[in-house]
Structure formats: C-alpha cells, structure tokens
C-alpha cells in the first residue's frame, strides 16, 4: 500500500496539488523543496549521521549518498544496514546501529 502512495507522487501535477491543498488548509506554503531534502541538507551546519537500510525503497542508498554529498563540512557519516528497509534499520542490526550512533557521537561531540 505505501509503495503505491509514494509512486503516485511521481505523477505529473500530484506534488503541486498536494502543496496547494496543504496551503489552503493550513496557510503554510511548503515550497518547491517539498519532496526533496537536498536544498535543506546544503544548509545544515552541524554534524549529521545518516543511517540507511540497504533495501530501503523510500530513500534508496543512492539518494542517501546524494544527501550525504549535499551536506557541507566533515562531520557527516552514512551507515548502511544490510538487508534493512526504511523503518527496520534498528531491528535488523541493533548492534551495528548502536555502535554507529555511539561512534558518531564520540567523534563529533565528546571532544
């Protein structure tokens, strides 16, 4: 079901219609970056840890790598969890996940 919903976002006109409907309902304009984090990623100035599932179809590894490349600075890291989907990274490999988070925190905030 979710895959179908995400696939409809690629149809012409769907995203502008969603942005317009959201604006009319809330008064908040989402802007053209609504479906991409890349413009926002280039403005992040703190260290960032991205954890991506190898089998993630919502944010595939290639997209995670593009996000990583868009982040400025050196305090950035991408960890890929083998055989994990978008929302199963922790449960698929809890030790790998925990080690990655602790290593990231130690190298960026515990100096």
N, C-alpha and C. Protein backbone atom coordinates (compact mmCIF):
# COMPACT_ATOMS: atom_id res chain seq x y z
N UNK A 1 0.82 -1.19 0.00
CA UNK A 1 0.00 0.00 0.00
C UNK A 1 0.87 1.27 0.00
N UNK A 2 1.86 1.33 0.92
CA UNK A 2 2.69 2.53 1.00
C UNK A 2 3.47 2.78 -0.29
N UNK A 3 3.92 1.69 -0.90
CA UNK A 3 4.66 1.82 -2.14
C UNK A 3 3.80 2.51 -3.20
N UNK A 4 2.53 2.16 -3.26
CA UNK A 4 1.61 2.78 -4.22
C UNK A 4 1.44 4.26 -3.94
N UNK A 5 1.32 4.61 -2.66
CA UNK A 5 1.16 6.02 -2.32
C UNK A 5 2.39 6.83 -2.72
N UNK A 6 3.58 6.29 -2.46
CA UNK A 6 4.79 7.00 -2.83
C UNK A 6 4.93 7.08 -4.35
N UNK A 7 4.51 6.04 -5.05
CA UNK A 7 4.60 6.03 -6.51
C UNK A 7 3.72 7.12 -7.12
N UNK A 8 2.57 7.39 -6.52
CA UNK A 8 1.68 8.42 -7.08
C UNK A 8 2.31 9.80 -7.02
N UNK A 9 3.25 10.01 -6.11
CA UNK A 9 3.91 11.31 -6.02
C UNK A 9 4.72 11.63 -7.27
N UNK A 10 5.04 10.61 -8.06
CA UNK A 10 5.82 10.85 -9.28
C UNK A 10 4.93 11.22 -10.47
N UNK A 11 3.62 11.12 -10.32
CA UNK A 11 2.72 11.51 -11.41
C UNK A 11 2.74 13.02 -11.57
N UNK A 12 2.70 13.49 -12.83
CA UNK A 12 2.72 14.94 -13.07
C UNK A 12 1.56 15.63 -12.37
N UNK A 13 1.86 16.72 -11.68
CA UNK A 13 0.82 17.53 -11.05
C UNK A 13 0.45 17.13 -9.64
N UNK A 14 0.86 15.95 -9.19
CA UNK A 14 0.46 15.49 -7.85
C UNK A 14 1.10 16.35 -6.77
N UNK A 15 2.40 16.57 -6.85
CA UNK A 15 3.08 17.34 -5.81
C UNK A 15 2.56 18.77 -5.74
N UNK A 16 2.42 19.49 -6.86
CA UNK A 16 1.85 20.84 -6.75
C UNK A 16 0.44 20.84 -6.16
N UNK A 17 -0.35 19.82 -6.48
CA UNK A 17 -1.71 19.73 -5.92
C UNK A 17 -1.66 19.53 -4.41
N UNK A 18 -0.74 18.70 -3.94
CA UNK A 18 -0.59 18.48 -2.50
C UNK A 18 -0.15 19.77 -1.80
N UNK A 19 0.82 20.45 -2.41
CA UNK A 19 1.32 21.70 -1.83
C UNK A 19 0.19 22.72 -1.76
N UNK A 20 -0.60 22.84 -2.83
CA UNK A 20 -1.72 23.78 -2.84
C UNK A 20 -2.78 23.41 -1.80
N UNK A 21 -3.14 22.14 -1.73
CA UNK A 21 -4.14 21.69 -0.76
C UNK A 21 -3.67 21.95 0.66
N UNK A 22 -2.40 21.68 0.92
CA UNK A 22 -1.86 21.91 2.26
C UNK A 22 -1.90 23.40 2.59
N UNK A 23 -1.54 24.24 1.62
CA UNK A 23 -1.56 25.69 1.84
C UNK A 23 -2.98 26.17 2.12
N UNK A 24 -3.93 25.70 1.32
CA UNK A 24 -5.32 26.13 1.51
C UNK A 24 -5.87 25.68 2.87
N UNK A 25 -5.41 24.54 3.32
CA UNK A 25 -5.91 24.02 4.60
C UNK A 25 -5.21 24.65 5.80
N UNK A 26 -3.90 24.92 5.69
CA UNK A 26 -3.14 25.37 6.85
C UNK A 26 -2.62 26.79 6.76
N UNK A 27 -2.51 27.33 5.54
CA UNK A 27 -1.92 28.64 5.37
C UNK A 27 -0.39 28.59 5.32
N UNK A 28 0.17 27.39 5.33
CA UNK A 28 1.62 27.22 5.29
C UNK A 28 2.03 26.76 3.89
N UNK A 29 2.93 27.53 3.26
CA UNK A 29 3.41 27.17 1.93
C UNK A 29 4.64 26.29 2.07
N UNK A 30 4.57 25.08 1.56
CA UNK A 30 5.67 24.12 1.67
C UNK A 30 6.81 24.43 0.71
N UNK A 31 6.53 25.09 -0.37
CA UNK A 31 7.57 25.43 -1.32
C UNK A 31 7.91 24.30 -2.26
N UNK A 32 8.79 24.59 -3.18
CA UNK A 32 9.14 23.62 -4.20
C UNK A 32 10.06 22.52 -3.66
N UNK A 33 10.66 22.71 -2.48
CA UNK A 33 11.54 21.68 -1.91
C UNK A 33 10.75 20.59 -1.19
N UNK A 34 9.45 20.62 -1.29
CA UNK A 34 8.58 19.72 -0.52
C UNK A 34 9.01 18.26 -0.61
N UNK A 35 9.41 17.79 -1.76
CA UNK A 35 9.72 16.37 -1.91
C UNK A 35 11.21 16.06 -1.89
N UNK A 36 12.04 17.05 -1.63
CA UNK A 36 13.47 16.80 -1.62
C UNK A 36 14.12 17.44 -0.39
N UNK A 37 14.98 16.70 0.27
CA UNK A 37 15.72 17.25 1.41
C UNK A 37 17.03 17.89 0.97
N UNK A 38 17.40 17.73 -0.30
CA UNK A 38 18.70 18.23 -0.76
C UNK A 38 18.89 19.74 -0.54
N UNK A 39 17.90 20.58 -0.86
CA UNK A 39 18.12 22.02 -0.61
C UNK A 39 18.36 22.31 0.88
N UNK A 40 17.63 21.63 1.75
CA UNK A 40 17.81 21.85 3.19
C UNK A 40 19.14 21.26 3.66
N UNK A 41 19.54 20.12 3.11
CA UNK A 41 20.79 19.48 3.53
C UNK A 41 21.98 20.39 3.33
N UNK A 42 21.97 21.16 2.27
CA UNK A 42 23.11 22.04 1.99
C UNK A 42 23.23 23.18 3.00
N UNK A 43 22.20 23.39 3.82
CA UNK A 43 22.22 24.47 4.82
C UNK A 43 22.48 23.96 6.24
N UNK A 44 22.65 22.67 6.41
CA UNK A 44 22.87 22.11 7.75
C UNK A 44 24.33 22.31 8.14
N UNK A 45 24.56 22.86 9.30
CA UNK A 45 25.93 23.19 9.71
C UNK A 45 26.46 22.32 10.85
N UNK A 46 25.62 21.45 11.39
CA UNK A 46 26.09 20.58 12.47
C UNK A 46 26.41 19.19 11.92
N UNK A 47 27.13 18.37 12.67
CA UNK A 47 27.41 17.00 12.23
C UNK A 47 26.12 16.21 12.00
N UNK A 48 26.14 15.34 11.01
CA UNK A 48 24.94 14.56 10.65
C UNK A 48 25.32 13.10 10.45
N UNK A 49 24.53 12.23 11.05
CA UNK A 49 24.66 10.79 10.85
C UNK A 49 23.43 10.32 10.08
N UNK A 50 23.64 9.74 8.92
CA UNK A 50 22.56 9.14 8.15
C UNK A 50 22.67 7.63 8.30
N UNK A 51 21.56 6.99 8.63
CA UNK A 51 21.52 5.54 8.72
C UNK A 51 20.49 5.08 7.70
N UNK A 52 20.93 4.26 6.77
CA UNK A 52 20.07 3.86 5.66
C UNK A 52 20.01 2.34 5.55
N UNK A 53 18.84 1.85 5.24
CA UNK A 53 18.67 0.42 5.02
C UNK A 53 19.04 0.06 3.59
N UNK A 54 19.77 -1.02 3.44
CA UNK A 54 20.21 -1.48 2.13
C UNK A 54 19.03 -1.74 1.19
N UNK A 55 17.88 -2.13 1.73
CA UNK A 55 16.70 -2.45 0.92
C UNK A 55 15.64 -1.36 1.00
N UNK A 56 16.03 -0.15 1.42
CA UNK A 56 15.12 0.98 1.56
C UNK A 56 14.65 1.45 0.18
N UNK A 57 13.36 1.42 -0.06
CA UNK A 57 12.82 1.90 -1.34
C UNK A 57 12.24 3.30 -1.21
N UNK A 58 12.12 3.80 0.02
CA UNK A 58 11.63 5.17 0.22
C UNK A 58 12.78 6.15 0.00
N UNK A 59 13.91 5.89 0.64
CA UNK A 59 15.13 6.68 0.43
C UNK A 59 16.23 5.68 0.10
N UNK A 60 16.33 5.30 -1.17
CA UNK A 60 17.35 4.31 -1.57
C UNK A 60 18.76 4.79 -1.25
N UNK A 61 19.68 3.86 -1.19
CA UNK A 61 21.08 4.16 -0.85
C UNK A 61 21.63 5.27 -1.75
N UNK A 62 21.30 5.24 -3.03
CA UNK A 62 21.80 6.29 -3.94
C UNK A 62 21.32 7.67 -3.50
N UNK A 63 20.08 7.76 -3.04
CA UNK A 63 19.57 9.04 -2.54
C UNK A 63 20.25 9.43 -1.24
N UNK A 64 20.49 8.46 -0.36
CA UNK A 64 21.20 8.75 0.89
C UNK A 64 22.60 9.28 0.59
N UNK A 65 23.24 8.73 -0.42
CA UNK A 65 24.58 9.21 -0.81
C UNK A 65 24.51 10.64 -1.36
N UNK A 66 23.45 10.95 -2.11
CA UNK A 66 23.28 12.33 -2.61
C UNK A 66 23.07 13.30 -1.45
N UNK A 67 22.28 12.88 -0.48
CA UNK A 67 22.07 13.73 0.71
C UNK A 67 23.40 13.94 1.43
N UNK A 68 24.16 12.87 1.61
CA UNK A 68 25.46 12.96 2.26
C UNK A 68 26.37 13.93 1.51
N UNK A 69 26.39 13.84 0.20
CA UNK A 69 27.23 14.72 -0.61
C UNK A 69 26.79 16.18 -0.51
N UNK A 70 25.49 16.41 -0.30
CA UNK A 70 24.98 17.77 -0.21
C UNK A 70 25.28 18.42 1.14
N UNK A 71 25.57 17.61 2.14
CA UNK A 71 25.88 18.15 3.47
C UNK A 71 27.25 18.79 3.46
N UNK A 72 27.36 20.04 3.92
CA UNK A 72 28.68 20.68 3.97
C UNK A 72 29.49 20.17 5.16
N UNK A 73 30.77 20.37 5.10
CA UNK A 73 31.61 20.05 6.24
C UNK A 73 32.03 18.60 6.32
N UNK A 74 32.83 18.33 7.35
CA UNK A 74 33.41 17.00 7.51
C UNK A 74 32.66 16.12 8.49
N UNK A 75 31.84 16.70 9.34
CA UNK A 75 31.16 15.92 10.38
C UNK A 75 29.93 15.19 9.89
N UNK A 76 30.10 14.41 8.85
CA UNK A 76 28.96 13.69 8.28
C UNK A 76 29.35 12.24 8.04
N UNK A 77 28.37 11.36 8.18
CA UNK A 77 28.64 9.94 8.01
C UNK A 77 27.39 9.23 7.55
N UNK A 78 27.56 8.25 6.69
CA UNK A 78 26.47 7.39 6.23
C UNK A 78 26.78 5.96 6.65
N UNK A 79 25.84 5.34 7.34
CA UNK A 79 25.96 3.94 7.72
C UNK A 79 24.84 3.20 7.01
N UNK A 80 25.21 2.12 6.32
CA UNK A 80 24.24 1.30 5.61
C UNK A 80 24.02 0.01 6.39
N UNK A 81 22.77 -0.30 6.66
CA UNK A 81 22.42 -1.51 7.39
C UNK A 81 22.01 -2.58 6.37
N UNK A 82 22.77 -3.67 6.27
CA UNK A 82 22.46 -4.73 5.31
C UNK A 82 21.06 -5.33 5.56
N UNK A 83 20.35 -5.60 4.48
CA UNK A 83 19.03 -6.25 4.49
C UNK A 83 17.94 -5.47 5.21
N UNK A 84 18.16 -4.21 5.54
CA UNK A 84 17.15 -3.43 6.26
C UNK A 84 16.35 -2.57 5.29
N UNK A 85 15.09 -2.35 5.64
CA UNK A 85 14.22 -1.43 4.92
C UNK A 85 14.28 -0.06 5.60
N UNK A 86 13.46 0.87 5.13
CA UNK A 86 13.47 2.24 5.63
C UNK A 86 13.26 2.31 7.14
N UNK A 87 12.33 1.54 7.63
CA UNK A 87 11.98 1.65 9.05
C UNK A 87 12.37 0.42 9.87
N UNK A 88 13.31 -0.38 9.35
CA UNK A 88 13.73 -1.56 10.10
C UNK A 88 15.22 -1.58 10.39
N UNK A 89 15.88 -0.45 10.25
CA UNK A 89 17.33 -0.42 10.41
C UNK A 89 17.76 -0.86 11.81
N UNK A 90 17.10 -0.36 12.83
CA UNK A 90 17.50 -0.73 14.18
C UNK A 90 17.20 -2.20 14.47
N UNK A 91 16.02 -2.64 14.14
CA UNK A 91 15.64 -4.01 14.45
C UNK A 91 16.39 -5.05 13.62
N UNK A 92 16.86 -4.66 12.45
CA UNK A 92 17.62 -5.59 11.61
C UNK A 92 19.03 -5.82 12.16
N UNK A 93 19.64 -4.77 12.65
CA UNK A 93 21.02 -4.90 13.16
C UNK A 93 21.23 -3.95 14.34
N UNK A 94 20.65 -4.28 15.49
CA UNK A 94 20.72 -3.35 16.63
C UNK A 94 22.15 -3.04 17.09
N UNK A 95 23.04 -4.02 17.06
CA UNK A 95 24.42 -3.75 17.50
C UNK A 95 25.14 -2.83 16.54
N UNK A 96 25.00 -3.08 15.24
CA UNK A 96 25.62 -2.21 14.23
C UNK A 96 25.07 -0.79 14.36
N UNK A 97 23.78 -0.67 14.53
CA UNK A 97 23.11 0.63 14.68
C UNK A 97 23.66 1.36 15.92
N UNK A 98 23.66 0.67 17.06
CA UNK A 98 24.12 1.28 18.31
C UNK A 98 25.59 1.70 18.22
N UNK A 99 26.42 0.84 17.66
CA UNK A 99 27.84 1.16 17.52
C UNK A 99 28.05 2.38 16.62
N UNK A 100 27.29 2.45 15.54
CA UNK A 100 27.41 3.59 14.63
C UNK A 100 27.02 4.89 15.32
N UNK A 101 25.94 4.86 16.07
CA UNK A 101 25.49 6.07 16.78
C UNK A 101 26.51 6.48 17.84
N UNK A 102 26.97 5.53 18.63
CA UNK A 102 27.93 5.84 19.68
C UNK A 102 29.25 6.35 19.11
N UNK A 103 29.72 5.73 18.03
CA UNK A 103 30.96 6.17 17.38
C UNK A 103 30.79 7.60 16.84
N UNK A 104 29.65 7.87 16.23
CA UNK A 104 29.38 9.20 15.68
C UNK A 104 29.35 10.25 16.80
N UNK A 105 28.62 9.94 17.86
CA UNK A 105 28.54 10.88 18.99
C UNK A 105 29.92 11.11 19.62
N UNK A 106 30.66 10.04 19.78
CA UNK A 106 32.00 10.16 20.37
C UNK A 106 32.93 11.01 19.51
N UNK A 107 32.89 10.79 18.19
CA UNK A 107 33.82 11.53 17.33
C UNK A 107 33.38 12.97 17.06
N UNK A 108 32.12 13.29 17.27
CA UNK A 108 31.67 14.65 16.95
C UNK A 108 31.31 15.51 18.16
N UNK A 109 31.00 14.90 19.28
CA UNK A 109 30.50 15.69 20.40
C UNK A 109 31.21 15.44 21.73
N UNK A 110 32.07 14.45 21.79
CA UNK A 110 32.70 14.09 23.07
C UNK A 110 34.16 14.50 23.11
N UNK A 111 34.50 15.62 22.53
CA UNK A 111 35.90 16.06 22.49
C UNK A 111 36.20 17.00 23.63
